């Protein structure tokens, strides 16, 4: 009886390819056959390592959050001064949105926009991954307020929502063809709205 061909694919490389396909096409426009063609891994191999399409999508989202979204968080947390930290965070997102060799935009923003039509468990996990970045931003803002870097009456919820809105705008602009220098100028313009701690 012939033995089955052993799976020789590298799991991380396969997952990176899966992520890019979902990133470019979206969840619903991507079929398992698309993933097989892109990765070169037969369906049994994908199912064995990752599970069904829903589990593949969640794994791709987690991979993006760790490998790409984490860069923006590191930029945010590396700077002690809040305004500089937020600007670095947005600049990193602009860089990621136009990274060479990657689809334009943001995998996570694209994924969240599909949550309304995703399986509830998948949607909940995608939202949780997206929310993790927002929590880091909010924590930075709360610390800045305590340290006097923001006005004492500053509404942190409003400011966090404003920053989140910029990340969505950057992702959508990149996806629709805006180049990196324009995105960087957009970030600079957005930062002009930063509240004056002495107001």
N, C-alpha and C. Protein backbone atom coordinates (compact mmCIF):
# COMPACT_ATOMS: atom_id res chain seq x y z
N UNK A 1 0.85 -1.19 0.00
CA UNK A 1 0.00 0.00 0.00
C UNK A 1 0.89 1.25 0.00
N UNK A 2 0.74 2.13 -0.99
CA UNK A 2 1.62 3.31 -1.07
C UNK A 2 1.36 4.27 0.07
N UNK A 3 2.46 4.83 0.55
CA UNK A 3 2.33 5.81 1.63
C UNK A 3 1.95 7.16 1.06
N UNK A 4 1.21 7.96 1.86
CA UNK A 4 0.85 9.30 1.43
C UNK A 4 2.09 10.18 1.40
N UNK A 5 2.08 11.15 0.50
CA UNK A 5 3.22 12.06 0.39
C UNK A 5 3.33 12.91 1.65
N UNK A 6 4.48 12.98 2.28
CA UNK A 6 4.63 13.77 3.51
C UNK A 6 4.50 15.26 3.22
N UNK A 7 3.99 16.00 4.18
CA UNK A 7 3.85 17.45 4.03
C UNK A 7 5.22 18.08 4.27
N UNK A 8 5.71 18.80 3.25
CA UNK A 8 7.03 19.39 3.35
C UNK A 8 7.00 20.91 3.46
N UNK A 9 5.80 21.48 3.46
CA UNK A 9 5.72 22.94 3.47
C UNK A 9 6.10 23.49 4.84
N UNK A 10 6.66 24.68 4.81
CA UNK A 10 6.97 25.39 6.03
C UNK A 10 5.71 26.08 6.52
N UNK A 11 5.33 25.81 7.76
CA UNK A 11 4.05 26.31 8.26
C UNK A 11 3.98 27.83 8.25
N UNK A 12 5.05 28.48 8.70
CA UNK A 12 5.03 29.95 8.75
C UNK A 12 4.97 30.56 7.36
N UNK A 13 5.72 29.98 6.41
CA UNK A 13 5.67 30.49 5.04
C UNK A 13 4.29 30.29 4.44
N UNK A 14 3.70 29.13 4.70
CA UNK A 14 2.36 28.86 4.19
C UNK A 14 1.36 29.85 4.77
N UNK A 15 1.46 30.08 6.06
CA UNK A 15 0.54 31.00 6.72
C UNK A 15 0.72 32.42 6.19
N UNK A 16 1.95 32.81 5.90
CA UNK A 16 2.20 34.14 5.35
C UNK A 16 1.53 34.28 3.99
N UNK A 17 1.60 33.24 3.18
CA UNK A 17 0.94 33.26 1.87
C UNK A 17 -0.57 33.31 2.02
N UNK A 18 -1.11 32.51 2.93
CA UNK A 18 -2.55 32.52 3.20
C UNK A 18 -3.00 33.93 3.61
N UNK A 19 -2.22 34.55 4.49
CA UNK A 19 -2.53 35.90 4.93
C UNK A 19 -2.60 36.86 3.75
N UNK A 20 -1.62 36.77 2.85
CA UNK A 20 -1.59 37.69 1.72
C UNK A 20 -2.79 37.50 0.80
N UNK A 21 -3.20 36.26 0.60
CA UNK A 21 -4.36 36.00 -0.27
C UNK A 21 -5.63 36.58 0.36
N UNK A 22 -5.85 36.32 1.64
CA UNK A 22 -7.02 36.89 2.32
C UNK A 22 -6.94 38.42 2.33
N UNK A 23 -5.75 38.95 2.55
CA UNK A 23 -5.52 40.40 2.61
C UNK A 23 -5.91 41.05 1.29
N UNK A 24 -5.51 40.42 0.19
CA UNK A 24 -5.76 41.01 -1.12
C UNK A 24 -7.21 40.83 -1.58
N UNK A 25 -7.78 39.66 -1.31
CA UNK A 25 -9.09 39.33 -1.87
C UNK A 25 -10.24 39.44 -0.88
N UNK A 26 -9.93 39.34 0.42
CA UNK A 26 -10.99 39.31 1.42
C UNK A 26 -11.44 37.88 1.69
N UNK A 27 -12.17 37.71 2.77
CA UNK A 27 -12.58 36.37 3.20
C UNK A 27 -13.51 35.72 2.19
N UNK A 28 -14.59 36.41 1.82
CA UNK A 28 -15.61 35.78 0.99
C UNK A 28 -15.17 35.56 -0.45
N UNK A 29 -14.28 36.40 -0.95
CA UNK A 29 -13.82 36.25 -2.33
C UNK A 29 -12.70 35.22 -2.46
N UNK A 30 -12.26 34.66 -1.33
CA UNK A 30 -11.18 33.67 -1.33
C UNK A 30 -11.77 32.28 -1.12
N UNK A 31 -11.42 31.37 -2.00
CA UNK A 31 -11.87 29.98 -1.86
C UNK A 31 -10.71 29.12 -1.37
N UNK A 32 -11.03 27.94 -0.92
CA UNK A 32 -9.97 27.00 -0.52
C UNK A 32 -9.09 26.66 -1.72
N UNK A 33 -9.68 26.59 -2.91
CA UNK A 33 -8.89 26.33 -4.10
C UNK A 33 -7.89 27.45 -4.36
N UNK A 34 -8.28 28.71 -4.07
CA UNK A 34 -7.36 29.84 -4.21
C UNK A 34 -6.17 29.65 -3.27
N UNK A 35 -6.44 29.21 -2.06
CA UNK A 35 -5.38 29.03 -1.07
C UNK A 35 -4.46 27.86 -1.44
N UNK A 36 -5.05 26.81 -1.99
CA UNK A 36 -4.26 25.67 -2.46
C UNK A 36 -3.33 26.11 -3.59
N UNK A 37 -3.88 26.88 -4.53
CA UNK A 37 -3.08 27.34 -5.67
C UNK A 37 -1.95 28.27 -5.23
N UNK A 38 -2.25 29.17 -4.30
CA UNK A 38 -1.25 30.15 -3.86
C UNK A 38 -0.14 29.50 -3.03
N UNK A 39 -0.50 28.55 -2.17
CA UNK A 39 0.48 27.95 -1.26
C UNK A 39 1.18 26.74 -1.85
N UNK A 40 0.53 26.10 -2.81
CA UNK A 40 1.07 24.85 -3.33
C UNK A 40 0.87 23.68 -2.39
N UNK A 41 0.04 23.87 -1.38
CA UNK A 41 -0.25 22.82 -0.40
C UNK A 41 -1.65 22.27 -0.66
N UNK A 42 -1.75 20.96 -0.77
CA UNK A 42 -3.04 20.34 -1.03
C UNK A 42 -4.01 20.57 0.14
N UNK A 43 -5.29 20.51 -0.14
CA UNK A 43 -6.29 20.75 0.90
C UNK A 43 -6.08 19.91 2.15
N UNK A 44 -5.78 18.60 2.02
CA UNK A 44 -5.57 17.82 3.25
C UNK A 44 -4.46 18.39 4.12
N UNK A 45 -3.39 18.91 3.49
CA UNK A 45 -2.31 19.49 4.26
C UNK A 45 -2.73 20.76 4.97
N UNK A 46 -3.50 21.62 4.29
CA UNK A 46 -4.00 22.85 4.92
C UNK A 46 -4.95 22.52 6.06
N UNK A 47 -5.86 21.58 5.83
CA UNK A 47 -6.80 21.21 6.88
C UNK A 47 -6.07 20.62 8.09
N UNK A 48 -5.04 19.81 7.82
CA UNK A 48 -4.32 19.16 8.91
C UNK A 48 -3.60 20.17 9.78
N UNK A 49 -3.03 21.20 9.16
CA UNK A 49 -2.26 22.18 9.92
C UNK A 49 -3.10 23.30 10.51
N UNK A 50 -4.17 23.69 9.82
CA UNK A 50 -4.90 24.89 10.23
C UNK A 50 -6.39 24.68 10.47
N UNK A 51 -6.97 23.63 9.92
CA UNK A 51 -8.41 23.47 10.03
C UNK A 51 -9.11 24.01 8.79
N UNK A 52 -10.38 24.36 8.92
CA UNK A 52 -11.17 24.80 7.78
C UNK A 52 -10.85 26.26 7.42
N UNK A 53 -11.61 26.80 6.46
CA UNK A 53 -11.35 28.16 5.98
C UNK A 53 -11.48 29.18 7.10
N UNK A 54 -12.45 29.03 7.98
CA UNK A 54 -12.61 29.96 9.10
C UNK A 54 -11.37 29.97 9.99
N UNK A 55 -10.87 28.77 10.31
CA UNK A 55 -9.68 28.69 11.17
C UNK A 55 -8.45 29.24 10.45
N UNK A 56 -8.39 29.04 9.14
CA UNK A 56 -7.29 29.61 8.36
C UNK A 56 -7.32 31.13 8.43
N UNK A 57 -8.52 31.68 8.34
CA UNK A 57 -8.66 33.14 8.37
C UNK A 57 -8.24 33.70 9.73
N UNK A 58 -8.65 33.05 10.79
CA UNK A 58 -8.26 33.48 12.13
C UNK A 58 -6.74 33.37 12.30
N UNK A 59 -6.17 32.27 11.82
CA UNK A 59 -4.71 32.09 11.91
C UNK A 59 -3.99 33.19 11.13
N UNK A 60 -4.53 33.56 9.98
CA UNK A 60 -3.93 34.62 9.17
C UNK A 60 -4.01 35.96 9.89
N UNK A 61 -5.15 36.22 10.54
CA UNK A 61 -5.31 37.47 11.29
C UNK A 61 -4.34 37.52 12.46
N UNK A 62 -4.18 36.40 13.16
CA UNK A 62 -3.23 36.35 14.28
C UNK A 62 -1.80 36.54 13.79
N UNK A 63 -1.49 35.95 12.65
CA UNK A 63 -0.16 36.10 12.07
C UNK A 63 0.11 37.57 11.71
N UNK A 64 -0.88 38.22 11.13
CA UNK A 64 -0.72 39.63 10.78
C UNK A 64 -0.50 40.48 12.03
N UNK A 65 -1.33 40.24 13.05
CA UNK A 65 -1.22 41.02 14.28
C UNK A 65 0.16 40.89 14.91
N UNK A 66 0.72 39.68 14.86
CA UNK A 66 2.02 39.45 15.48
C UNK A 66 3.17 39.97 14.61
N UNK A 67 3.11 39.68 13.31
CA UNK A 67 4.24 39.98 12.44
C UNK A 67 4.24 41.41 11.91
N UNK A 68 3.06 42.02 11.82
CA UNK A 68 2.97 43.34 11.21
C UNK A 68 2.40 44.40 12.15
N UNK A 69 1.24 44.12 12.72
CA UNK A 69 0.64 45.07 13.65
C UNK A 69 1.53 45.36 14.84
N UNK A 70 2.34 44.36 15.23
CA UNK A 70 3.23 44.56 16.36
C UNK A 70 4.27 45.63 16.14
N UNK A 71 4.63 45.88 14.87
CA UNK A 71 5.61 46.92 14.57
C UNK A 71 5.08 48.30 14.94
N UNK A 72 3.81 48.52 14.66
CA UNK A 72 3.21 49.81 15.00
C UNK A 72 3.12 49.98 16.51
N UNK A 73 2.78 48.91 17.22
CA UNK A 73 2.71 48.96 18.68
C UNK A 73 4.08 49.24 19.28
N UNK A 74 5.12 48.62 18.73
CA UNK A 74 6.48 48.89 19.22
C UNK A 74 6.87 50.35 19.01
N UNK A 75 6.47 50.90 17.86
CA UNK A 75 6.75 52.32 17.60
C UNK A 75 6.02 53.20 18.60
N UNK A 76 4.81 52.80 18.95
CA UNK A 76 4.00 53.54 19.91
C UNK A 76 4.64 53.53 21.30
N UNK A 77 5.11 52.38 21.72
CA UNK A 77 5.59 52.21 23.09
C UNK A 77 7.05 52.60 23.27
N UNK A 78 7.77 52.80 22.16
CA UNK A 78 9.18 53.15 22.27
C UNK A 78 9.39 54.62 22.65
N UNK A 79 8.38 55.46 22.41
CA UNK A 79 8.50 56.89 22.66
C UNK A 79 7.78 57.28 23.95
N UNK A 80 8.47 57.92 24.89
CA UNK A 80 7.82 58.32 26.14
C UNK A 80 6.87 59.50 25.97
N UNK A 81 7.14 60.38 25.00
CA UNK A 81 6.30 61.56 24.80
C UNK A 81 5.13 61.16 23.92
N UNK A 82 3.90 61.40 24.42
CA UNK A 82 2.70 60.84 23.80
C UNK A 82 2.48 61.32 22.37
N UNK A 83 2.65 62.61 22.13
CA UNK A 83 2.39 63.11 20.78
C UNK A 83 3.33 62.46 19.78
N UNK A 84 4.61 62.40 20.12
CA UNK A 84 5.60 61.76 19.25
C UNK A 84 5.27 60.28 19.06
N UNK A 85 4.84 59.63 20.15
CA UNK A 85 4.51 58.21 20.08
C UNK A 85 3.36 57.95 19.12
N UNK A 86 2.32 58.76 19.21
CA UNK A 86 1.17 58.58 18.33
C UNK A 86 1.55 58.86 16.88
N UNK A 87 2.36 59.89 16.66
CA UNK A 87 2.80 60.19 15.29
C UNK A 87 3.64 59.04 14.74
N UNK A 88 4.55 58.50 15.54
CA UNK A 88 5.35 57.35 15.10
C UNK A 88 4.46 56.14 14.79
N UNK A 89 3.46 55.95 15.62
CA UNK A 89 2.50 54.85 15.44
C UNK A 89 1.79 54.99 14.09
N UNK A 90 1.29 56.18 13.80
CA UNK A 90 0.58 56.40 12.54
C UNK A 90 1.53 56.33 11.34
N UNK A 91 2.74 56.82 11.50
CA UNK A 91 3.72 56.74 10.42
C UNK A 91 4.07 55.28 10.11
N UNK A 92 4.18 54.48 11.15
CA UNK A 92 4.47 53.05 10.94
C UNK A 92 3.31 52.38 10.22
N UNK A 93 2.09 52.75 10.57
CA UNK A 93 0.93 52.19 9.88
C UNK A 93 0.94 52.60 8.41
N UNK A 94 1.32 53.84 8.14
CA UNK A 94 1.43 54.30 6.75
C UNK A 94 2.48 53.48 6.00
N UNK A 95 3.61 53.20 6.65
CA UNK A 95 4.65 52.38 6.02
C UNK A 95 4.15 50.96 5.75
N UNK A 96 3.47 50.38 6.74
CA UNK A 96 2.94 49.04 6.58
C UNK A 96 1.89 48.97 5.48
N UNK A 97 1.10 50.03 5.36
CA UNK A 97 0.02 50.05 4.37
C UNK A 97 0.54 50.09 2.94
N UNK A 98 1.81 50.51 2.78
CA UNK A 98 2.40 50.57 1.44
C UNK A 98 3.70 49.76 1.37
N UNK A 99 3.80 48.73 2.21
CA UNK A 99 5.02 47.93 2.24
C UNK A 99 5.22 47.18 0.93
N UNK A 100 6.44 47.21 0.44
CA UNK A 100 6.76 46.52 -0.81
C UNK A 100 6.56 45.02 -0.64
N UNK A 101 5.93 44.41 -1.63
CA UNK A 101 5.72 42.97 -1.59
C UNK A 101 4.49 42.55 -0.83
N UNK A 102 3.71 43.51 -0.34
CA UNK A 102 2.47 43.22 0.38
C UNK A 102 1.30 43.92 -0.30
N UNK A 103 0.10 43.38 -0.15
CA UNK A 103 -1.06 44.10 -0.67
C UNK A 103 -1.18 45.46 0.02
N UNK A 104 -1.68 46.47 -0.67
CA UNK A 104 -1.83 47.77 -0.01
C UNK A 104 -2.93 47.75 1.03
N UNK A 105 -2.82 48.66 1.99
CA UNK A 105 -3.84 48.75 3.03
C UNK A 105 -3.47 47.96 4.27
N UNK A 106 -4.46 47.59 5.02
CA UNK A 106 -4.25 46.90 6.30
C UNK A 106 -5.13 45.66 6.37
N UNK A 107 -4.52 44.52 6.58
CA UNK A 107 -5.28 43.28 6.67
C UNK A 107 -6.36 43.37 7.74
N UNK A 108 -6.01 43.95 8.89
CA UNK A 108 -6.94 43.97 10.00
C UNK A 108 -8.13 44.90 9.73
N UNK A 109 -7.88 46.07 9.14
CA UNK A 109 -8.98 46.97 8.80
C UNK A 109 -9.90 46.31 7.79
N UNK A 110 -9.31 45.66 6.77
CA UNK A 110 -10.13 44.96 5.79
C UNK A 110 -10.97 43.87 6.44
N UNK A 111 -10.35 43.14 7.37
CA UNK A 111 -11.03 42.02 8.02
C UNK A 111 -12.18 42.50 8.89
N UNK A 112 -11.94 43.57 9.66
CA UNK A 112 -12.99 44.10 10.53
C UNK A 112 -14.19 44.55 9.70
N UNK A 113 -13.93 45.08 8.51
CA UNK A 113 -15.03 45.54 7.66
C UNK A 113 -15.90 44.38 7.20
N UNK A 114 -15.37 43.16 7.25
CA UNK A 114 -16.14 41.98 6.84
C UNK A 114 -16.82 41.29 8.01
N UNK A 115 -16.62 41.79 9.21
CA UNK A 115 -17.11 41.09 10.40
C UNK A 115 -18.62 40.86 10.38
N UNK A 116 -19.35 41.77 9.77
CA UNK A 116 -20.81 41.64 9.76
C UNK A 116 -21.28 40.37 9.05
N UNK A 117 -20.45 39.87 8.14
CA UNK A 117 -20.86 38.69 7.38
C UNK A 117 -20.00 37.47 7.70
N UNK A 118 -19.13 37.58 8.70
CA UNK A 118 -18.32 36.44 9.11
C UNK A 118 -19.07 35.61 10.15
N UNK A 119 -18.63 34.37 10.30
CA UNK A 119 -19.10 33.54 11.41
C UNK A 119 -18.86 34.29 12.72
N UNK A 120 -19.78 34.18 13.67
CA UNK A 120 -19.71 34.96 14.90
C UNK A 120 -18.41 34.73 15.66
N UNK A 121 -17.97 33.48 15.73
CA UNK A 121 -16.74 33.18 16.45
C UNK A 121 -15.53 33.80 15.77
N UNK A 122 -15.50 33.72 14.43
CA UNK A 122 -14.41 34.31 13.66
C UNK A 122 -14.41 35.83 13.83
N UNK A 123 -15.60 36.42 13.70
CA UNK A 123 -15.73 37.88 13.82
C UNK A 123 -15.29 38.35 15.20
N UNK A 124 -15.65 37.61 16.24
CA UNK A 124 -15.29 37.98 17.60
C UNK A 124 -13.76 37.96 17.78
N UNK A 125 -13.10 36.97 17.21
CA UNK A 125 -11.64 36.88 17.33
C UNK A 125 -10.96 38.00 16.55
N UNK A 126 -11.45 38.30 15.36
CA UNK A 126 -10.87 39.38 14.55
C UNK A 126 -11.03 40.71 15.26
N UNK A 127 -12.21 40.96 15.82
CA UNK A 127 -12.44 42.22 16.55
C UNK A 127 -11.53 42.31 17.77
N UNK A 128 -11.32 41.18 18.43
CA UNK A 128 -10.46 41.18 19.62
C UNK A 128 -9.02 41.51 19.24
N UNK A 129 -8.55 41.00 18.11
CA UNK A 129 -7.20 41.31 17.66
C UNK A 129 -7.06 42.78 17.31
N UNK A 130 -8.08 43.31 16.65
CA UNK A 130 -8.05 44.74 16.31
C UNK A 130 -8.10 45.59 17.57
N UNK A 131 -8.90 45.17 18.53
CA UNK A 131 -9.07 45.94 19.76
C UNK A 131 -7.79 46.00 20.58
N UNK A 132 -6.91 45.01 20.43
CA UNK A 132 -5.68 44.99 21.21
C UNK A 132 -4.82 46.21 20.90
N UNK A 133 -4.72 46.56 19.62
CA UNK A 133 -3.96 47.75 19.25
C UNK A 133 -4.59 49.01 19.80
N UNK A 134 -5.91 49.06 19.75
CA UNK A 134 -6.62 50.23 20.28
C UNK A 134 -6.41 50.36 21.79
N UNK A 135 -6.35 49.24 22.49
CA UNK A 135 -6.12 49.28 23.94
C UNK A 135 -4.75 49.88 24.25
N UNK A 136 -3.75 49.55 23.43
CA UNK A 136 -2.41 50.09 23.64
C UNK A 136 -2.40 51.61 23.42
N UNK A 137 -3.13 52.06 22.41
CA UNK A 137 -3.23 53.50 22.16
C UNK A 137 -3.91 54.19 23.32
N UNK A 138 -5.01 53.61 23.78
CA UNK A 138 -5.76 54.21 24.89
C UNK A 138 -4.90 54.27 26.15
N UNK A 139 -4.14 53.22 26.41
CA UNK A 139 -3.28 53.20 27.59
C UNK A 139 -2.24 54.30 27.50
N UNK A 140 -1.70 54.53 26.31
CA UNK A 140 -0.72 55.59 26.10
C UNK A 140 -1.35 56.95 26.38
N UNK A 141 -2.57 57.15 25.93
CA UNK A 141 -3.26 58.42 26.14
C UNK A 141 -3.60 58.64 27.61
N UNK A 142 -4.03 57.59 28.28
CA UNK A 142 -4.37 57.72 29.70
C UNK A 142 -3.14 58.08 30.52
N UNK A 143 -2.01 57.45 30.20
CA UNK A 143 -0.77 57.77 30.88
C UNK A 143 -0.36 59.22 30.60
N UNK A 144 -0.51 59.64 29.36
CA UNK A 144 -0.17 61.02 28.99
C UNK A 144 -1.01 62.03 29.76
N UNK A 145 -2.26 61.70 29.96
CA UNK A 145 -3.13 62.61 30.71
C UNK A 145 -2.69 62.69 32.16
N UNK A 146 -2.35 61.54 32.75
CA UNK A 146 -1.90 61.54 34.14
C UNK A 146 -0.59 62.31 34.30
N UNK A 147 0.24 62.28 33.27
CA UNK A 147 1.53 62.95 33.34
C UNK A 147 1.47 64.42 32.95
N UNK A 148 0.28 64.88 32.59
CA UNK A 148 0.13 66.28 32.22
C UNK A 148 0.49 66.60 30.78
N UNK A 149 0.64 65.58 29.94
CA UNK A 149 0.92 65.81 28.53
C UNK A 149 -0.34 66.15 27.74
N UNK A 150 -1.48 65.95 28.36
CA UNK A 150 -2.77 66.29 27.76
C UNK A 150 -3.54 67.18 28.73
N UNK A 151 -4.44 68.00 28.23
CA UNK A 151 -5.24 68.85 29.13
C UNK A 151 -5.99 67.99 30.14
N UNK A 152 -6.18 68.46 31.36
CA UNK A 152 -6.85 67.66 32.39
C UNK A 152 -8.29 67.30 32.05
N UNK A 153 -8.92 68.11 31.17
CA UNK A 153 -10.31 67.81 30.80
C UNK A 153 -10.39 67.06 29.46
N UNK A 154 -9.27 66.57 28.97
CA UNK A 154 -9.28 65.88 27.69
C UNK A 154 -10.08 64.58 27.78
N UNK A 155 -11.00 64.38 26.84
CA UNK A 155 -11.79 63.15 26.76
C UNK A 155 -10.95 62.10 26.02
N UNK A 156 -10.50 61.10 26.75
CA UNK A 156 -9.63 60.08 26.16
C UNK A 156 -10.38 59.25 25.12
N UNK A 157 -11.66 58.98 25.37
CA UNK A 157 -12.44 58.22 24.40
C UNK A 157 -12.49 58.93 23.05
N UNK A 158 -12.73 60.23 23.08
CA UNK A 158 -12.81 61.00 21.84
C UNK A 158 -11.48 61.00 21.11
N UNK A 159 -10.39 61.18 21.84
CA UNK A 159 -9.08 61.22 21.21
C UNK A 159 -8.70 59.84 20.65
N UNK A 160 -9.00 58.79 21.38
CA UNK A 160 -8.71 57.44 20.90
C UNK A 160 -9.51 57.13 19.64
N UNK A 161 -10.77 57.56 19.61
CA UNK A 161 -11.60 57.36 18.43
C UNK A 161 -11.03 58.11 17.23
N UNK A 162 -10.55 59.32 17.47
CA UNK A 162 -9.94 60.11 16.41
C UNK A 162 -8.71 59.39 15.83
N UNK A 163 -7.86 58.86 16.70
CA UNK A 163 -6.66 58.16 16.24
C UNK A 163 -7.03 56.89 15.49
N UNK A 164 -8.00 56.15 16.01
CA UNK A 164 -8.48 54.95 15.32
C UNK A 164 -8.98 55.32 13.92
N UNK A 165 -9.70 56.44 13.83
CA UNK A 165 -10.20 56.88 12.54
C UNK A 165 -9.08 57.16 11.55
N UNK A 166 -7.96 57.66 12.04
CA UNK A 166 -6.83 57.92 11.15
C UNK A 166 -6.25 56.61 10.61
N UNK A 167 -6.21 55.58 11.45
CA UNK A 167 -5.68 54.30 10.98
C UNK A 167 -6.56 53.71 9.88
N UNK A 168 -7.87 53.85 10.04
CA UNK A 168 -8.79 53.36 9.01
C UNK A 168 -8.63 54.17 7.73
N UNK A 169 -8.52 55.48 7.87
CA UNK A 169 -8.35 56.34 6.70
C UNK A 169 -7.06 56.00 5.96
N UNK A 170 -5.96 55.82 6.71
CA UNK A 170 -4.68 55.48 6.09
C UNK A 170 -4.80 54.17 5.31
N UNK A 171 -5.40 53.17 5.92
CA UNK A 171 -5.55 51.87 5.27
C UNK A 171 -6.37 51.97 3.99
N UNK A 172 -7.48 52.68 4.06
CA UNK A 172 -8.35 52.80 2.89
C UNK A 172 -7.72 53.64 1.79
N UNK A 173 -7.01 54.70 2.18
CA UNK A 173 -6.32 55.52 1.19
C UNK A 173 -5.24 54.71 0.47
N UNK A 174 -4.49 53.93 1.24
CA UNK A 174 -3.44 53.11 0.64
C UNK A 174 -4.03 52.08 -0.32
N UNK A 175 -5.12 51.48 0.09
CA UNK A 175 -5.76 50.44 -0.72
C UNK A 175 -6.29 51.00 -2.03
N UNK A 176 -6.67 52.26 -2.04
CA UNK A 176 -7.23 52.86 -3.24
C UNK A 176 -6.19 53.66 -4.05
N UNK A 177 -4.91 53.48 -3.72
CA UNK A 177 -3.87 54.01 -4.58
C UNK A 177 -3.05 55.18 -4.08
N UNK A 178 -3.33 55.70 -2.90
CA UNK A 178 -2.55 56.82 -2.38
C UNK A 178 -1.12 56.37 -2.11
N UNK A 179 -0.15 57.18 -2.53
CA UNK A 179 1.24 56.79 -2.34
C UNK A 179 1.73 57.11 -0.93
N UNK A 180 2.90 56.58 -0.59
CA UNK A 180 3.43 56.71 0.76
C UNK A 180 3.71 58.17 1.16
N UNK A 181 4.35 58.98 0.31
CA UNK A 181 4.59 60.37 0.70
C UNK A 181 3.30 61.12 1.03
N UNK A 182 2.23 60.85 0.28
CA UNK A 182 0.95 61.51 0.57
C UNK A 182 0.38 61.04 1.89
N UNK A 183 0.54 59.75 2.18
CA UNK A 183 0.07 59.23 3.47
C UNK A 183 0.83 59.87 4.62
N UNK A 184 2.14 60.07 4.44
CA UNK A 184 2.94 60.69 5.49
C UNK A 184 2.49 62.14 5.71
N UNK A 185 2.17 62.85 4.64
CA UNK A 185 1.66 64.23 4.79
C UNK A 185 0.30 64.22 5.48
N UNK A 186 -0.49 63.21 5.18
CA UNK A 186 -1.80 63.08 5.84
C UNK A 186 -1.62 62.91 7.35
N UNK A 187 -0.65 62.09 7.75
CA UNK A 187 -0.38 61.90 9.18
C UNK A 187 0.03 63.22 9.82
N UNK A 188 0.89 63.96 9.17
CA UNK A 188 1.33 65.25 9.70
C UNK A 188 0.13 66.19 9.88
N UNK A 189 -0.76 66.20 8.91
CA UNK A 189 -1.96 67.05 9.01
C UNK A 189 -2.85 66.60 10.16
N UNK A 190 -3.00 65.28 10.31
CA UNK A 190 -3.83 64.76 11.40
C UNK A 190 -3.26 65.15 12.75
N UNK A 191 -1.94 65.13 12.87
CA UNK A 191 -1.30 65.46 14.15
C UNK A 191 -1.45 66.92 14.52
N UNK A 192 -1.80 67.76 13.54
CA UNK A 192 -2.05 69.17 13.84
C UNK A 192 -3.25 69.34 14.77
N UNK A 193 -4.09 68.30 14.83
CA UNK A 193 -5.26 68.35 15.71
C UNK A 193 -4.95 67.88 17.13
N UNK A 194 -3.70 67.53 17.40
CA UNK A 194 -3.33 67.06 18.74
C UNK A 194 -3.62 68.16 19.77
N UNK A 195 -4.30 67.83 20.86
CA UNK A 195 -4.64 68.84 21.85
C UNK A 195 -3.43 69.44 22.56
N UNK A 196 -3.48 70.71 22.79
CA UNK A 196 -2.40 71.42 23.49
C UNK A 196 -2.55 71.21 24.98
N UNK A 197 -1.52 70.65 25.59
CA UNK A 197 -1.60 70.37 27.04
C UNK A 197 -1.72 71.64 27.88
N UNK A 198 -1.41 72.78 27.29
CA UNK A 198 -1.49 74.04 28.04
C UNK A 198 -2.78 74.81 27.77
N UNK A 199 -3.68 74.15 26.97
CA UNK A 199 -4.94 74.85 26.65
C UNK A 199 -5.82 74.99 27.88
